[in-house]
Amino acid sequence: TEVITMEDEPVRSIRRKKDASMVRMAEAVKYGEADAC
């Protein structure tokens, strides 16, 4: 439901946009659902 844009502040956007495609992608690697992102 969320997107991290090029204008977003990096650390804040990762922490606040929990349903962003980039965050969910990284979580897939963390939890072993994917081998790479």
All heavy atoms as atom14 arrays in JSON, in Angstrom:
{
  "sequence": "TEVITMEDEPVRSIRRKKDASMVRMAEAVKYGEADAC",
  "atom14_mask": [
    [1, 1, 1, 1, 1, 1, 1, 0, 0, 0, 0, 0, 0, 0],
    [1, 1, 1, 1, 1, 1, 1, 1, 1, 0, 0, 0, 0, 0],
    [1, 1, 1, 1, 1, 1, 1, 0, 0, 0, 0, 0, 0, 0],
    [1, 1, 1, 1, 1, 1, 1, 1, 0, 0, 0, 0, 0, 0],
    [1, 1, 1, 1, 1, 1, 1, 0, 0, 0, 0, 0, 0, 0],
    [1, 1, 1, 1, 1, 1, 1, 1, 0, 0, 0, 0, 0, 0],
    [1, 1, 1, 1, 1, 1, 1, 1, 1, 0, 0, 0, 0, 0],
    [1, 1, 1, 1, 1, 1, 1, 1, 0, 0, 0, 0, 0, 0],
    [1, 1, 1, 1, 1, 1, 1, 1, 1, 0, 0, 0, 0, 0],
    [1, 1, 1, 1, 1, 1, 1, 0, 0, 0, 0, 0, 0, 0],
    [1, 1, 1, 1, 1, 1, 1, 0, 0, 0, 0, 0, 0, 0],
    [1, 1, 1, 1, 1, 1, 1, 1, 1, 1, 1, 0, 0, 0],
    [1, 1, 1, 1, 1, 1, 0, 0, 0, 0, 0, 0, 0, 0],
    [1, 1, 1, 1, 1, 1, 1, 1, 0, 0, 0, 0, 0, 0],
    [1, 1, 1, 1, 1, 1, 1, 1, 1, 1, 1, 0, 0, 0],
    [1, 1, 1, 1, 1, 1, 1, 1, 1, 1, 1, 0, 0, 0],
    [1, 1, 1, 1, 1, 1, 1, 1, 1, 0, 0, 0, 0, 0],
    [1, 1, 1, 1, 1, 1, 1, 1, 1, 0, 0, 0, 0, 0],
    [1, 1, 1, 1, 1, 1, 1, 1, 0, 0, 0, 0, 0, 0],
    [1, 1, 1, 1, 1, 0, 0, 0, 0, 0, 0, 0, 0, 0],
    [1, 1, 1, 1, 1, 1, 0, 0, 0, 0, 0, 0, 0, 0],
    [1, 1, 1, 1, 1, 1, 1, 1, 0, 0, 0, 0, 0, 0],
    [1, 1, 1, 1, 1, 1, 1, 0, 0, 0, 0, 0, 0, 0],
    [1, 1, 1, 1, 1, 1, 1, 1, 1, 1, 1, 0, 0, 0],
    [1, 1, 1, 1, 1, 1, 1, 1, 0, 0, 0, 0, 0, 0],
    [1, 1, 1, 1, 1, 0, 0, 0, 0, 0, 0, 0, 0, 0],
    [1, 1, 1, 1, 1, 1, 1, 1, 1, 0, 0, 0, 0, 0],
    [1, 1, 1, 1, 1, 0, 0, 0, 0, 0, 0, 0, 0, 0],
    [1, 1, 1, 1, 1, 1, 1, 0, 0, 0, 0, 0, 0, 0],
    [1, 1, 1, 1, 1, 1, 1, 1, 1, 0, 0, 0, 0, 0],
    [1, 1, 1, 1, 1, 1, 1, 1, 1, 1, 1, 1, 0, 0],
    [1, 1, 1, 1, 0, 0, 0, 0, 0, 0, 0, 0, 0, 0],
    [1, 1, 1, 1, 1, 1, 1, 1, 1, 0, 0, 0, 0, 0],
    [1, 1, 1, 1, 1, 0, 0, 0, 0, 0, 0, 0, 0, 0],
    [1, 1, 1, 1, 1, 1, 1, 1, 0, 0, 0, 0, 0, 0],
    [1, 1, 1, 1, 1, 0, 0, 0, 0, 0, 0, 0, 0, 0],
    [1, 1, 1, 1, 1, 1, 0, 0, 0, 0, 0, 0, 0, 0]
  ],
  "atom14_positions": [
    [[0.81, -1.22, 0.0], [0.0, 0.0, 0.0], [0.84, 1.27, 0.0], [0.3, 2.37, -0.14], [-0.91, 0.02, 1.24], [-0.11, -0.03, 2.43], [-1.87, -1.16, 1.23], [0.0, 0.0, 0.0], [0.0, 0.0, 0.0], [0.0, 0.0, 0.0], [0.0, 0.0, 0.0], [0.0, 0.0, 0.0], [0.0, 0.0, 0.0], [0.0, 0.0, 0.0]],
    [[2.18, 1.13, 0.16], [3.04, 2.31, 0.24], [4.22, 2.18, -0.72], [4.61, 1.08, -1.1], [3.55, 2.5, 1.67], [2.46, 2.81, 2.68], [3.01, 2.92, 4.08], [3.48, 1.91, 4.62], [2.96, 4.03, 4.65], [0.0, 0.0, 0.0], [0.0, 0.0, 0.0], [0.0, 0.0, 0.0], [0.0, 0.0, 0.0], [0.0, 0.0, 0.0]],
    [[4.78, 3.34, -1.07], [5.93, 3.41, -1.96], [6.95, 4.38, -1.37], [6.58, 5.46, -0.89], [5.54, 3.89, -3.37], [6.77, 4.07, -4.25], [4.57, 2.92, -4.03], [0.0, 0.0, 0.0], [0.0, 0.0, 0.0], [0.0, 0.0, 0.0], [0.0, 0.0, 0.0], [0.0, 0.0, 0.0], [0.0, 0.0, 0.0], [0.0, 0.0, 0.0]],
    [[8.22, 4.01, -1.4], [9.28, 4.93, -1.02], [9.74, 5.65, -2.28], [10.18, 5.03, -3.24], [10.45, 4.17, -0.36], [9.98, 3.61, 0.99], [11.66, 5.09, -0.17], [11.02, 2.77, 1.69], [0.0, 0.0, 0.0], [0.0, 0.0, 0.0], [0.0, 0.0, 0.0], [0.0, 0.0, 0.0], [0.0, 0.0, 0.0], [0.0, 0.0, 0.0]],
    [[9.63, 6.97, -2.26], [9.98, 7.77, -3.43], [11.44, 8.21, -3.37], [12.12, 8.06, -2.36], [9.08, 9.01, -3.52], [9.42, 9.92, -2.44], [7.6, 8.63, -3.41], [0.0, 0.0, 0.0], [0.0, 0.0, 0.0], [0.0, 0.0, 0.0], [0.0, 0.0, 0.0], [0.0, 0.0, 0.0], [0.0, 0.0, 0.0], [0.0, 0.0, 0.0]],
    [[11.91, 8.79, -4.47], [13.28, 9.29, -4.52], [13.48, 10.48, -3.59], [14.6, 10.79, -3.19], [13.63, 9.7, -5.97], [13.65, 8.54, -6.95], [14.92, 7.31, -6.57], [14.85, 6.3, -8.05], [0.0, 0.0, 0.0], [0.0, 0.0, 0.0], [0.0, 0.0, 0.0], [0.0, 0.0, 0.0], [0.0, 0.0, 0.0], [0.0, 0.0, 0.0]],
    [[12.4, 11.16, -3.23], [12.49, 12.34, -2.36], [12.42, 11.99, -0.88], [12.72, 12.83, -0.03], [11.36, 13.33, -2.69], [11.48, 14.0, -4.05], [11.17, 13.07, -5.21], [10.29, 12.2, -5.04], [11.83, 13.2, -6.26], [0.0, 0.0, 0.0], [0.0, 0.0, 0.0], [0.0, 0.0, 0.0], [0.0, 0.0, 0.0], [0.0, 0.0, 0.0]],
    [[12.03, 10.77, -0.54], [11.89, 10.38, 0.86], [13.24, 10.35, 1.58], [14.25, 9.96, 1.01], [11.23, 9.0, 0.98], [9.73, 9.06, 0.79], [9.14, 10.12, 1.05], [9.14, 8.03, 0.39], [0.0, 0.0, 0.0], [0.0, 0.0, 0.0], [0.0, 0.0, 0.0], [0.0, 0.0, 0.0], [0.0, 0.0, 0.0], [0.0, 0.0, 0.0]],
    [[13.22, 10.73, 2.86], [14.42, 10.63, 3.69], [14.65, 9.16, 3.98], [13.74, 8.47, 4.47], [14.22, 11.43, 4.99], [15.49, 11.7, 5.76], [15.99, 10.49, 6.54], [15.14, 9.75, 7.06], [17.21, 10.3, 6.6], [0.0, 0.0, 0.0], [0.0, 0.0, 0.0], [0.0, 0.0, 0.0], [0.0, 0.0, 0.0], [0.0, 0.0, 0.0]],
    [[15.85, 8.63, 3.71], [16.08, 7.19, 3.73], [15.7, 6.46, 5.02], [14.85, 5.56, 5.0], [17.58, 7.06, 3.45], [17.88, 8.26, 2.63], [17.03, 9.34, 3.18], [0.0, 0.0, 0.0], [0.0, 0.0, 0.0], [0.0, 0.0, 0.0], [0.0, 0.0, 0.0], [0.0, 0.0, 0.0], [0.0, 0.0, 0.0], [0.0, 0.0, 0.0]],
    [[16.29, 6.83, 6.13], [16.06, 6.08, 7.37], [14.63, 6.24, 7.85], [13.97, 5.27, 8.24], [17.06, 6.52, 8.46], [16.76, 5.79, 9.78], [18.49, 6.24, 8.03], [0.0, 0.0, 0.0], [0.0, 0.0, 0.0], [0.0, 0.0, 0.0], [0.0, 0.0, 0.0], [0.0, 0.0, 0.0], [0.0, 0.0, 0.0], [0.0, 0.0, 0.0]],
    [[14.12, 7.46, 7.79], [12.75, 7.7, 8.24], [11.75, 6.92, 7.41], [10.78, 6.34, 7.95], [12.44, 9.2, 8.18], [11.06, 9.55, 8.75], [10.77, 11.04, 8.67], [11.68, 11.78, 9.53], [12.6, 12.63, 9.09], [12.74, 12.83, 7.78], [13.38, 13.29, 9.92], [0.0, 0.0, 0.0], [0.0, 0.0, 0.0], [0.0, 0.0, 0.0]],
    [[11.95, 6.88, 6.1], [10.99, 6.18, 5.24], [11.0, 4.68, 5.51], [9.94, 4.03, 5.49], [11.31, 6.46, 3.77], [12.6, 5.99, 3.42], [0.0, 0.0, 0.0], [0.0, 0.0, 0.0], [0.0, 0.0, 0.0], [0.0, 0.0, 0.0], [0.0, 0.0, 0.0], [0.0, 0.0, 0.0], [0.0, 0.0, 0.0], [0.0, 0.0, 0.0]],
    [[12.16, 4.1, 5.77], [12.24, 2.67, 6.07], [11.52, 2.34, 7.37], [10.87, 1.31, 7.5], [13.73, 2.22, 6.13], [14.36, 2.24, 4.74], [13.85, 0.83, 6.75], [13.75, 1.3, 3.75], [0.0, 0.0, 0.0], [0.0, 0.0, 0.0], [0.0, 0.0, 0.0], [0.0, 0.0, 0.0], [0.0, 0.0, 0.0], [0.0, 0.0, 0.0]],
    [[11.64, 3.22, 8.34], [11.02, 2.99, 9.64], [9.53, 3.25, 9.67], [8.79, 2.61, 10.42], [11.73, 3.84, 10.7], [13.15, 3.37, 10.99], [13.86, 4.3, 11.95], [15.18, 3.77, 12.33], [16.1, 4.45, 12.99], [15.86, 5.7, 13.35], [17.26, 3.88, 13.29], [0.0, 0.0, 0.0], [0.0, 0.0, 0.0], [0.0, 0.0, 0.0]],
    [[9.08, 4.21, 8.86], [7.68, 4.62, 8.94], [6.8, 3.94, 7.89], [5.61, 3.69, 8.15], [7.57, 6.14, 8.79], [8.19, 6.89, 9.98], [7.98, 8.39, 9.84], [8.52, 9.11, 10.98], [8.47, 10.44, 11.13], [7.92, 11.17, 10.17], [8.98, 11.01, 12.19], [0.0, 0.0, 0.0], [0.0, 0.0, 0.0], [0.0, 0.0, 0.0]],
    [[7.35, 3.67, 6.72], [6.54, 3.06, 5.65], [6.7, 1.54, 5.68], [7.37, 0.94, 4.85], [6.93, 3.63, 4.29], [6.59, 5.1, 4.12], [6.86, 5.58, 2.69], [6.37, 7.01, 2.47], [6.59, 7.46, 1.08], [0.0, 0.0, 0.0], [0.0, 0.0, 0.0], [0.0, 0.0, 0.0], [0.0, 0.0, 0.0], [0.0, 0.0, 0.0]],
    [[6.07, 0.95, 6.64], [6.24, -0.5, 6.88], [5.67, -1.35, 5.75], [6.09, -2.5, 5.58], [5.57, -0.89, 8.21], [6.15, -0.19, 9.43], [7.6, -0.59, 9.66], [8.14, -0.01, 10.95], [9.57, -0.37, 11.17], [0.0, 0.0, 0.0], [0.0, 0.0, 0.0], [0.0, 0.0, 0.0], [0.0, 0.0, 0.0], [0.0, 0.0, 0.0]],
    [[4.72, -0.81, 5.01], [4.13, -1.61, 3.92], [4.64, -1.15, 2.55], [4.01, -1.43, 1.53], [2.6, -1.53, 3.97], [1.94, -2.67, 3.2], [2.42, -3.81, 3.31], [0.96, -2.41, 2.46], [0.0, 0.0, 0.0], [0.0, 0.0, 0.0], [0.0, 0.0, 0.0], [0.0, 0.0, 0.0], [0.0, 0.0, 0.0], [0.0, 0.0, 0.0]],
    [[5.78, -0.48, 2.54], [6.37, -0.07, 1.27], [6.97, -1.27, 0.56], [7.47, -2.21, 1.19], [7.44, 0.99, 1.51], [0.0, 0.0, 0.0], [0.0, 0.0, 0.0], [0.0, 0.0, 0.0], [0.0, 0.0, 0.0], [0.0, 0.0, 0.0], [0.0, 0.0, 0.0], [0.0, 0.0, 0.0], [0.0, 0.0, 0.0], [0.0, 0.0, 0.0]],
    [[6.93, -1.25, -0.76], [7.43, -2.38, -1.54], [8.91, -2.66, -1.26], [9.32, -3.83, -1.19], [7.23, -2.11, -3.04], [7.76, -0.84, -3.4], [0.0, 0.0, 0.0], [0.0, 0.0, 0.0], [0.0, 0.0, 0.0], [0.0, 0.0, 0.0], [0.0, 0.0, 0.0], [0.0, 0.0, 0.0], [0.0, 0.0, 0.0], [0.0, 0.0, 0.0]],
    [[9.71, -1.62, -1.04], [11.13, -1.84, -0.76], [11.34, -2.49, 0.6], [12.18, -3.39, 0.76], [11.9, -0.52, -0.81], [13.39, -0.67, -0.62], [14.28, 0.91, -0.56], [14.11, 1.47, -2.25], [0.0, 0.0, 0.0], [0.0, 0.0, 0.0], [0.0, 0.0, 0.0], [0.0, 0.0, 0.0], [0.0, 0.0, 0.0], [0.0, 0.0, 0.0]],
    [[10.57, -2.06, 1.59], [10.68, -2.64, 2.93], [10.26, -4.1, 2.93], [10.95, -4.97, 3.47], [9.81, -1.83, 3.93], [9.75, -2.54, 5.29], [10.36, -0.42, 4.09], [0.0, 0.0, 0.0], [0.0, 0.0, 0.0], [0.0, 0.0, 0.0], [0.0, 0.0, 0.0], [0.0, 0.0, 0.0], [0.0, 0.0, 0.0], [0.0, 0.0, 0.0]],
    [[9.13, -4.38, 2.31], [8.63, -5.77, 2.25], [9.6, -6.67, 1.49], [9.8, -7.84, 1.86], [7.26, -5.79, 1.57], [6.15, -5.02, 2.33], [5.44, -5.89, 3.35], [4.9, -7.08, 2.75], [3.74, -7.14, 2.07], [3.01, -6.04, 1.9], [3.31, -8.29, 1.58], [0.0, 0.0, 0.0], [0.0, 0.0, 0.0], [0.0, 0.0, 0.0]],
    [[10.22, -6.13, 0.45], [11.2, -6.88, -0.31], [12.39, -7.27, 0.56], [12.85, -8.42, 0.55], [11.67, -6.02, -1.5], [12.81, -6.59, -2.3], [13.61, -5.34, -3.36], [14.55, -4.42, -2.11], [0.0, 0.0, 0.0], [0.0, 0.0, 0.0], [0.0, 0.0, 0.0], [0.0, 0.0, 0.0], [0.0, 0.0, 0.0], [0.0, 0.0, 0.0]],
    [[12.93, -6.3, 1.32], [14.07, -6.57, 2.19], [13.7, -7.56, 3.3], [14.51, -8.42, 3.67], [14.58, -5.26, 2.8], [0.0, 0.0, 0.0], [0.0, 0.0, 0.0], [0.0, 0.0, 0.0], [0.0, 0.0, 0.0], [0.0, 0.0, 0.0], [0.0, 0.0, 0.0], [0.0, 0.0, 0.0], [0.0, 0.0, 0.0], [0.0, 0.0, 0.0]],
    [[12.49, -7.47, 3.79], [12.04, -8.4, 4.83], [11.97, -9.83, 4.3], [12.2, -10.79, 5.05], [10.68, -7.96, 5.38], [10.75, -6.72, 6.24], [9.39, -6.25, 6.71], [8.37, -6.64, 6.11], [9.34, -5.47, 7.69], [0.0, 0.0, 0.0], [0.0, 0.0, 0.0], [0.0, 0.0, 0.0], [0.0, 0.0, 0.0], [0.0, 0.0, 0.0]],
    [[11.65, -9.97, 3.02], [11.6, -11.31, 2.43], [12.96, -11.98, 2.5], [13.07, -13.19, 2.72], [11.12, -11.22, 0.98], [0.0, 0.0, 0.0], [0.0, 0.0, 0.0], [0.0, 0.0, 0.0], [0.0, 0.0, 0.0], [0.0, 0.0, 0.0], [0.0, 0.0, 0.0], [0.0, 0.0, 0.0], [0.0, 0.0, 0.0], [0.0, 0.0, 0.0]],
    [[14.04, -11.2, 2.3], [15.39, -11.74, 2.41], [15.71, -12.04, 3.88], [16.26, -13.09, 4.21], [16.42, -10.76, 1.82], [17.85, -11.28, 2.05], [16.17, -10.58, 0.33], [0.0, 0.0, 0.0], [0.0, 0.0, 0.0], [0.0, 0.0, 0.0], [0.0, 0.0, 0.0], [0.0, 0.0, 0.0], [0.0, 0.0, 0.0], [0.0, 0.0, 0.0]],
    [[15.36, -11.13, 4.76], [15.64, -11.31, 6.19], [15.01, -12.59, 6.73], [15.65, -13.34, 7.49], [15.1, -10.11, 6.97], [15.26, -10.26, 8.48], [14.66, -9.07, 9.22], [14.8, -9.25, 10.73], [14.24, -8.08, 11.47], [0.0, 0.0, 0.0], [0.0, 0.0, 0.0], [0.0, 0.0, 0.0], [0.0, 0.0, 0.0], [0.0, 0.0, 0.0]],
    [[13.78, -12.85, 6.35], [13.06, -14.0, 6.9], [13.2, -15.27, 6.07], [12.51, -16.26, 6.3], [11.58, -13.65, 7.07], [11.36, -12.55, 8.08], [10.75, -11.35, 7.71], [11.78, -12.68, 9.4], [10.56, -10.32, 8.63], [11.59, -11.66, 10.33], [10.98, -10.49, 9.93], [10.8, -9.48, 10.86], [0.0, 0.0, 0.0], [0.0, 0.0, 0.0]],
    [[14.09, -15.25, 5.08], [14.36, -16.45, 4.3], [13.35, -16.8, 3.25], [13.38, -17.9, 2.7], [0.0, 0.0, 0.0], [0.0, 0.0, 0.0], [0.0, 0.0, 0.0], [0.0, 0.0, 0.0], [0.0, 0.0, 0.0], [0.0, 0.0, 0.0], [0.0, 0.0, 0.0], [0.0, 0.0, 0.0], [0.0, 0.0, 0.0], [0.0, 0.0, 0.0]],
    [[12.44, -15.86, 2.94], [11.44, -16.11, 1.9], [12.04, -15.93, 0.51], [11.51, -16.44, -0.47], [10.26, -15.16, 2.08], [9.53, -15.33, 3.41], [8.57, -14.19, 3.68], [8.42, -13.31, 2.81], [7.97, -14.18, 4.76], [0.0, 0.0, 0.0], [0.0, 0.0, 0.0], [0.0, 0.0, 0.0], [0.0, 0.0, 0.0], [0.0, 0.0, 0.0]],
    [[13.14, -15.16, 0.43], [13.84, -14.93, -0.84], [15.34, -15.02, -0.59], [15.83, -14.78, 0.51], [13.47, -13.56, -1.41], [0.0, 0.0, 0.0], [0.0, 0.0, 0.0], [0.0, 0.0, 0.0], [0.0, 0.0, 0.0], [0.0, 0.0, 0.0], [0.0, 0.0, 0.0], [0.0, 0.0, 0.0], [0.0, 0.0, 0.0], [0.0, 0.0, 0.0]],
    [[16.07, -15.36, -1.64], [17.53, -15.5, -1.54], [18.26, -14.19, -1.83], [19.43, -14.04, -1.46], [18.01, -16.56, -2.54], [17.34, -17.89, -2.32], [17.48, -18.45, -1.22], [16.65, -18.38, -3.25], [0.0, 0.0, 0.0], [0.0, 0.0, 0.0], [0.0, 0.0, 0.0], [0.0, 0.0, 0.0], [0.0, 0.0, 0.0], [0.0, 0.0, 0.0]],
    [[17.6, -13.26, -2.51], [18.22, -11.99, -2.9], [17.12, -10.99, -3.18], [15.94, -11.36, -3.34], [19.1, -12.17, -4.13], [0.0, 0.0, 0.0], [0.0, 0.0, 0.0], [0.0, 0.0, 0.0], [0.0, 0.0, 0.0], [0.0, 0.0, 0.0], [0.0, 0.0, 0.0], [0.0, 0.0, 0.0], [0.0, 0.0, 0.0], [0.0, 0.0, 0.0]],
    [[17.49, -9.71, -3.25], [16.49, -8.69, -3.6], [17.11, -7.64, -4.51], [18.32, -7.37, -4.45], [15.88, -8.05, -2.36], [17.03, -7.17, -1.28], [0.0, 0.0, 0.0], [0.0, 0.0, 0.0], [0.0, 0.0, 0.0], [0.0, 0.0, 0.0], [0.0, 0.0, 0.0], [0.0, 0.0, 0.0], [0.0, 0.0, 0.0], [0.0, 0.0, 0.0]]
  ]
}
